[in-house]
C-alpha cells in the first residue's frame, strides 16, 4: 500500500477544497490514486454532508450580480478561507447570485427552492452536493435584491469580505456619471458603515436613549436646563451625522455630506436623483468562528 504523504493530501485538497482528514481517508481507500480519490469525494452522499452541516461557517464569499436597474448581493459561507478560494465554491456562490437575480425569490426559502443553473438540482440540493464534495459546511446565508423601474443599482465588493449595493432612483439611469457616483457611494458605505439611510429611518427609541445619555452627561457638568437642551440639539445632529448615510461626511471629500453630493449630480444632469436604499454585508458578521489551529492540523497530518 502506498504511503499517503502530506504533499499528496495537499494536492488533493487543492483540487477539491475538501478537508484534510477527508482527503487522507479518500487517498488511503484508493492506494494514493488522486483521480480515484477525487471521485470518492464527489460521490459522498447526504449523510456525509449532514454531519458537516452543523459546523460553524463564518468564512466564504460575498458576491454581486446584475447591472442597470436590478442587482443582487449574496453571502455564502464556508468553514475556512482556504475553501473560499476553491474554484468550485466560487462557481457555486456566483451561481446562487445568478439565480437570485433571475428568479427574484421573495425570501431565503424561495431562493433555496429555486433551480440552480445547469445542474437539475435546486439551490438547496446543490448546496448539499457542495458540502459532500468539498468536505466543509457551506451555507447560503443571506441575499439582498434591488430592482426599480427607473434608475441604477450599483454594487461594490471589497475583496470578498464586504459587499455593498446602493439604489439610485433617477430618470438619468443610463448616464455613466450616475453609475460612477453609485460605485463611489457604495465604496463610501463599505468604509463608513452607516446604520440608517437618513434620520427619519432611525427608531424613536434609539434617538430618545441617545438624548438621555447626552442629558445625563450635561447635567453632571452643572449647566442649567435651558443650556443643556441647546447642547443636546447640537449633539443629536452630530449623532445623525455619524450614523445616517445621507448626513455622513463623504469619505472622498469630507467637506461635503453624502446627500449634497447626490444633489449636486442631479443638478449637473438636470434631473432627479434619489439615493433610496442600500445594503451592506460584512462576511461572517454575527457568526461564531471556528478556532481550529490550522498549523497544528498540518503538523498532525505530517506525522
Protein backbone atom coordinates (compact mmCIF):
# COMPACT_ATOMS: atom_id res chain seq x y z
CA UNK A 1 0.00 0.00 0.00
CA UNK A 2 1.32 3.41 -0.99
CA UNK A 3 2.33 5.80 1.76
CA UNK A 4 -0.01 8.80 1.91
CA UNK A 5 2.27 11.82 2.14
CA UNK A 6 1.39 15.33 3.22
CA UNK A 7 2.10 16.58 -0.31
CA UNK A 8 -0.46 14.14 -1.74
CA UNK A 9 -3.04 15.32 0.76
CA UNK A 10 -2.22 18.92 -0.07
CA UNK A 11 -2.57 18.27 -3.82
CA UNK A 12 -5.96 16.61 -3.39
CA UNK A 13 -7.15 19.38 -1.13
CA UNK A 14 -6.04 21.96 -3.67
CA UNK A 15 -8.07 20.23 -6.39
CA UNK A 16 -11.22 19.63 -4.37
CA UNK A 17 -11.20 22.02 -1.41
CA UNK A 18 -12.09 19.04 0.80
CA UNK A 19 -11.00 18.79 4.43
CA UNK A 20 -7.54 17.38 5.17
CA UNK A 21 -8.78 14.29 7.00
CA UNK A 22 -11.33 13.58 4.25
CA UNK A 23 -8.54 13.84 1.66
CA UNK A 24 -6.26 11.50 3.59
CA UNK A 25 -9.06 8.96 4.07
CA UNK A 26 -10.01 9.04 0.38
CA UNK A 27 -6.37 8.58 -0.69
CA UNK A 28 -5.98 5.67 1.71
CA UNK A 29 -9.02 3.95 0.22
CA UNK A 30 -7.57 4.06 -3.32
CA UNK A 31 -3.89 3.49 -2.53
CA UNK A 32 -2.90 7.07 -3.29
CA UNK A 33 -4.61 7.44 -6.69
CA UNK A 34 -5.51 11.16 -6.90
CA UNK A 35 -8.14 10.79 -9.64
CA UNK A 36 -9.92 7.98 -7.85
CA UNK A 37 -9.78 9.92 -4.59
CA UNK A 38 -11.48 12.87 -6.31
CA UNK A 39 -14.26 10.51 -7.44
CA UNK A 40 -14.71 9.25 -3.89
CA UNK A 41 -15.03 12.77 -2.53
CA UNK A 42 -17.55 13.67 -5.22
CA UNK A 43 -19.63 10.57 -4.50
CA UNK A 44 -20.03 11.33 -0.80
CA UNK A 45 -23.71 11.33 -0.02
CA UNK A 46 -26.19 13.18 2.15
CA UNK A 47 -25.07 11.51 5.36
CA UNK A 48 -21.54 12.90 4.99
CA UNK A 49 -22.91 16.34 4.22
CA UNK A 50 -25.35 16.24 7.13
CA UNK A 51 -22.54 15.65 9.61
CA UNK A 52 -20.84 18.81 8.41
CA UNK A 53 -23.95 20.99 8.20
CA UNK A 54 -23.92 21.79 11.91
CA UNK A 55 -20.37 23.13 11.96
CA UNK A 56 -19.72 26.85 12.21
CA UNK A 57 -19.18 28.54 8.85
CA UNK A 58 -18.03 32.15 9.07
CA UNK A 59 -15.62 32.39 6.13
CA UNK A 60 -16.62 32.38 2.49
CA UNK A 61 -17.53 34.98 -0.12
CA UNK A 62 -19.75 37.93 -0.76
CA UNK A 63 -20.62 38.21 -4.45
CA UNK A 64 -22.78 40.50 -6.53
CA UNK A 65 -24.58 40.24 -9.86
CA UNK A 66 -26.65 42.42 -12.11
CA UNK A 67 -26.41 45.68 -13.99
CA UNK A 68 -28.69 48.61 -14.66
CA UNK A 69 -31.88 48.76 -12.63
CA UNK A 70 -31.53 45.35 -10.94
CA UNK A 71 -28.84 43.86 -8.73
CA UNK A 72 -28.22 41.28 -6.03
CA UNK A 73 -25.79 40.80 -3.18
CA UNK A 74 -25.23 37.31 -1.73
CA UNK A 75 -23.22 35.91 1.18
CA UNK A 76 -22.20 32.25 1.02
CA UNK A 77 -20.26 30.88 3.98
CA UNK A 78 -17.71 28.11 4.39
CA UNK A 79 -15.64 27.00 7.35
CA UNK A 80 -12.22 28.15 6.13
CA UNK A 81 -10.87 30.87 3.87
CA UNK A 82 -8.97 28.11 2.03
CA UNK A 83 -12.22 26.68 0.69
CA UNK A 84 -13.44 30.19 -0.13
CA UNK A 85 -10.72 30.28 -2.81
CA UNK A 86 -11.73 26.94 -4.31
CA UNK A 87 -12.99 27.27 -7.91
CA UNK A 88 -15.98 25.04 -7.22
CA UNK A 89 -17.04 27.09 -4.23
CA UNK A 90 -16.62 30.37 -6.13
CA UNK A 91 -18.68 28.97 -9.01
CA UNK A 92 -21.40 27.89 -6.58
CA UNK A 93 -21.56 31.35 -4.96
CA UNK A 94 -21.81 33.04 -8.35
CA UNK A 95 -24.49 30.57 -9.40
CA UNK A 96 -26.54 31.46 -6.33
CA UNK A 97 -26.22 35.15 -7.20
CA UNK A 98 -27.33 34.49 -10.78
CA UNK A 99 -30.34 32.55 -9.50
CA UNK A 100 -31.34 35.33 -7.11
CA UNK A 101 -31.04 37.85 -9.92
CA UNK A 102 -33.03 35.82 -12.47
CA UNK A 103 -35.75 34.28 -10.30
CA UNK A 104 -36.41 37.21 -7.91
CA UNK A 105 -37.09 34.94 -4.90
CA UNK A 106 -39.20 36.51 -2.17
CA UNK A 107 -37.10 35.13 0.68
CA UNK A 108 -34.36 32.66 1.54
CA UNK A 109 -36.71 29.65 1.42
CA UNK A 110 -37.72 30.62 -2.10
CA UNK A 111 -34.09 31.06 -3.15
CA UNK A 112 -33.13 27.64 -1.80
CA UNK A 113 -36.06 26.08 -3.67
CA UNK A 114 -35.07 27.74 -6.97
CA UNK A 115 -33.33 25.71 -9.70
CA UNK A 116 -29.55 26.01 -9.67
CA UNK A 117 -28.12 26.77 -13.14
CA UNK A 118 -27.14 23.80 -15.28
CA UNK A 119 -27.49 21.03 -12.68
CA UNK A 120 -31.09 19.88 -12.49
CA UNK A 121 -30.87 20.47 -8.75
CA UNK A 122 -32.31 23.18 -6.53
CA UNK A 123 -30.02 25.65 -4.79
CA UNK A 124 -30.52 23.71 -1.53
CA UNK A 125 -29.65 20.42 -3.23
CA UNK A 126 -26.60 21.96 -4.89
CA UNK A 127 -25.52 23.31 -1.50
CA UNK A 128 -25.71 19.80 -0.06
CA UNK A 129 -23.80 18.47 -3.06
CA UNK A 130 -21.06 21.05 -2.46
CA UNK A 131 -20.85 20.12 1.23
CA UNK A 132 -20.38 16.46 0.30
CA UNK A 133 -17.84 17.25 -2.41
CA UNK A 134 -15.77 19.88 -0.64
CA UNK A 135 -15.93 18.42 2.85
CA UNK A 136 -16.86 21.55 4.77
CA UNK A 137 -20.13 23.03 5.89
CA UNK A 138 -21.39 25.52 3.29
CA UNK A 139 -24.29 27.84 3.88
CA UNK A 140 -26.11 30.32 1.66
CA UNK A 141 -26.64 32.76 4.49
CA UNK A 142 -28.43 35.78 3.04
CA UNK A 143 -29.12 37.82 -0.04
CA UNK A 144 -30.41 41.24 -0.98
CA UNK A 145 -32.10 42.11 -4.26
CA UNK A 146 -32.90 45.61 -5.53
CA UNK A 147 -34.96 46.38 -8.62
CA UNK A 148 -36.54 49.65 -9.65
CA UNK A 149 -38.43 50.98 -12.65
CA UNK A 150 -36.05 53.84 -13.42
CA UNK A 151 -32.52 54.25 -12.13
CA UNK A 152 -29.44 52.24 -11.33
CA UNK A 153 -28.46 49.60 -8.81
CA UNK A 154 -24.70 49.61 -8.29
CA UNK A 155 -22.63 47.08 -6.35
CA UNK A 156 -19.15 47.11 -4.89
CA UNK A 157 -17.37 44.18 -3.23
CA UNK A 158 -14.23 44.99 -1.25
CA UNK A 159 -12.08 41.89 -1.60
CA UNK A 160 -14.52 39.13 -0.67
CA UNK A 161 -15.44 40.29 2.83
CA UNK A 162 -17.52 43.46 2.46
CA UNK A 163 -20.23 43.87 -0.14
CA UNK A 164 -22.43 46.92 -0.74
CA UNK A 165 -25.34 47.62 -3.03
CA UNK A 166 -26.89 51.07 -3.50
CA UNK A 167 -30.08 52.05 -5.30
CA UNK A 168 -30.33 55.37 -7.14
CA UNK A 169 -33.81 56.22 -8.41
CA UNK A 170 -33.48 58.62 -11.34
CA UNK A 171 -34.68 59.44 -14.83
CA UNK A 172 -30.97 59.65 -15.75
CA UNK A 173 -30.38 55.96 -15.10
CA UNK A 174 -28.46 55.40 -18.30
CA UNK A 175 -25.92 58.12 -17.60
CA UNK A 176 -22.39 56.90 -16.92
CA UNK A 177 -22.00 59.60 -14.26
CA UNK A 178 -24.84 58.06 -12.27
CA UNK A 179 -23.13 54.66 -12.38
CA UNK A 180 -19.82 56.23 -11.39
CA UNK A 181 -21.39 58.03 -8.44
CA UNK A 182 -23.18 54.84 -7.42
CA UNK A 183 -19.88 52.98 -7.21
CA UNK A 184 -18.29 55.75 -5.15
CA UNK A 185 -21.30 55.80 -2.82
CA UNK A 186 -21.06 52.02 -2.42
CA UNK A 187 -17.37 52.39 -1.56
CA UNK A 188 -18.33 55.05 0.98
CA UNK A 189 -20.84 52.69 2.61
CA UNK A 190 -18.19 49.94 2.73
CA UNK A 191 -15.82 52.27 4.57
CA UNK A 192 -18.18 54.32 6.76
CA UNK A 193 -20.71 51.57 7.66
CA UNK A 194 -23.80 53.76 8.20
CA UNK A 195 -26.58 52.25 10.28
CA UNK A 196 -29.50 54.07 8.64
CA UNK A 197 -30.26 55.83 5.36
CA UNK A 198 -31.49 59.08 6.94
CA UNK A 199 -32.63 60.45 10.30
CA UNK A 200 -36.26 59.56 9.56
CA UNK A 201 -35.23 55.89 9.49
CA UNK A 202 -33.72 55.98 12.99
CA UNK A 203 -36.17 54.45 15.51
CA UNK A 204 -37.57 56.95 18.02
CA UNK A 205 -36.41 54.82 20.94
CA UNK A 206 -32.81 54.94 19.66
CA UNK A 207 -32.95 58.74 19.49
CA UNK A 208 -34.51 59.06 22.95
CA UNK A 209 -31.95 56.75 24.52
CA UNK A 210 -29.15 58.80 23.00
CA UNK A 211 -30.73 62.02 24.30
CA UNK A 212 -30.98 60.55 27.79
CA UNK A 213 -27.28 59.73 27.77
CA UNK A 214 -26.43 63.22 26.49
CA UNK A 215 -28.69 64.87 29.06
CA UNK A 216 -27.17 62.90 31.94
CA UNK A 217 -23.64 63.86 30.88
CA UNK A 218 -24.59 67.52 30.53
CA UNK A 219 -26.23 67.63 33.97
CA UNK A 220 -23.07 66.29 35.55
CA UNK A 221 -21.32 69.40 34.24
CA UNK A 222 -23.67 71.62 36.27
CA UNK A 223 -25.08 73.52 33.30
CA UNK A 224 -28.65 74.93 33.56
CA UNK A 225 -31.50 73.06 31.84
CA UNK A 226 -32.05 75.62 29.08
CA UNK A 227 -28.41 75.40 28.06
CA UNK A 228 -28.49 71.60 28.28
CA UNK A 229 -31.34 71.40 25.76
CA UNK A 230 -29.43 73.57 23.29
CA UNK A 231 -26.37 71.37 23.75
CA UNK A 232 -28.46 68.26 23.06
CA UNK A 233 -29.79 69.70 19.79
CA UNK A 234 -26.24 70.13 18.52
CA UNK A 235 -25.11 66.74 19.79
CA UNK A 236 -28.06 64.85 18.32
CA UNK A 237 -27.38 66.43 14.93
CA UNK A 238 -23.80 65.22 15.21
CA UNK A 239 -25.13 61.78 16.17
CA UNK A 240 -27.25 61.66 13.00
CA UNK A 241 -24.20 62.74 11.01
CA UNK A 242 -22.32 59.70 12.28
CA UNK A 243 -24.97 57.00 11.72
CA UNK A 244 -27.12 58.24 8.79
CA UNK A 245 -25.75 57.73 5.28
CA UNK A 246 -27.16 60.90 3.74
CA UNK A 247 -25.78 63.02 6.57
CA UNK A 248 -22.33 61.43 6.79
CA UNK A 249 -19.24 63.30 5.63
CA UNK A 250 -18.41 61.92 2.18
CA UNK A 251 -15.20 59.88 2.52
CA UNK A 252 -13.88 61.13 -0.82
CA UNK A 253 -14.46 64.78 0.12
CA UNK A 254 -15.16 65.16 3.87
CA UNK A 255 -16.23 68.78 3.38
CA UNK A 256 -19.39 67.51 1.69
CA UNK A 257 -22.29 65.47 3.03
CA UNK A 258 -23.36 62.41 1.04
CA UNK A 259 -26.83 63.87 0.43
CA UNK A 260 -25.31 67.04 -1.02
CA UNK A 261 -23.09 65.01 -3.37
CA UNK A 262 -26.19 63.30 -4.80
CA UNK A 263 -27.99 66.65 -5.12
CA UNK A 264 -25.01 68.16 -6.96
CA UNK A 265 -25.02 65.44 -9.64
CA UNK A 266 -28.79 65.77 -10.08
CA UNK A 267 -28.36 69.50 -10.68
CA UNK A 268 -25.49 68.90 -13.10
CA UNK A 269 -27.52 66.42 -15.16
CA UNK A 270 -30.74 68.42 -14.95
CA UNK A 271 -32.82 65.63 -13.42
CA UNK A 272 -33.87 63.97 -10.18
CA UNK A 273 -31.58 61.54 -8.36
CA UNK A 274 -32.53 59.95 -5.05
CA UNK A 275 -30.45 57.54 -3.02
CA UNK A 276 -33.37 55.36 -1.95
CA UNK A 277 -31.73 52.45 -0.12
CA UNK A 278 -28.56 50.47 0.40
CA UNK A 279 -27.43 47.05 1.63
CA UNK A 280 -24.14 46.26 3.32
CA UNK A 281 -22.93 42.73 4.07
CA UNK A 282 -19.79 42.01 6.07
CA UNK A 283 -18.63 38.42 5.80
CA UNK A 284 -19.39 36.32 8.86
CA UNK A 285 -20.76 39.16 11.00
CA UNK A 286 -22.65 37.66 13.90
CA UNK A 287 -21.44 34.11 13.19
CA UNK A 288 -19.28 32.31 15.72
CA UNK A 289 -15.97 31.49 14.07
CA UNK A 290 -14.16 28.19 14.45
CA UNK A 291 -10.96 28.36 16.48
CA UNK A 292 -9.07 25.48 14.90
CA UNK A 293 -5.29 25.83 14.78
CA UNK A 294 -4.57 25.21 11.10
CA UNK A 295 -0.80 24.97 11.67
CA UNK A 296 -1.37 22.28 14.30
CA UNK A 297 -3.66 20.43 11.88
CA UNK A 298 -0.99 20.39 9.19
CA UNK A 299 1.65 19.26 11.68
CA UNK A 300 -0.58 16.42 12.82
CA UNK A 301 -1.10 15.29 9.23
CA UNK A 302 2.63 15.05 8.55
CA UNK A 303 3.31 12.77 11.48
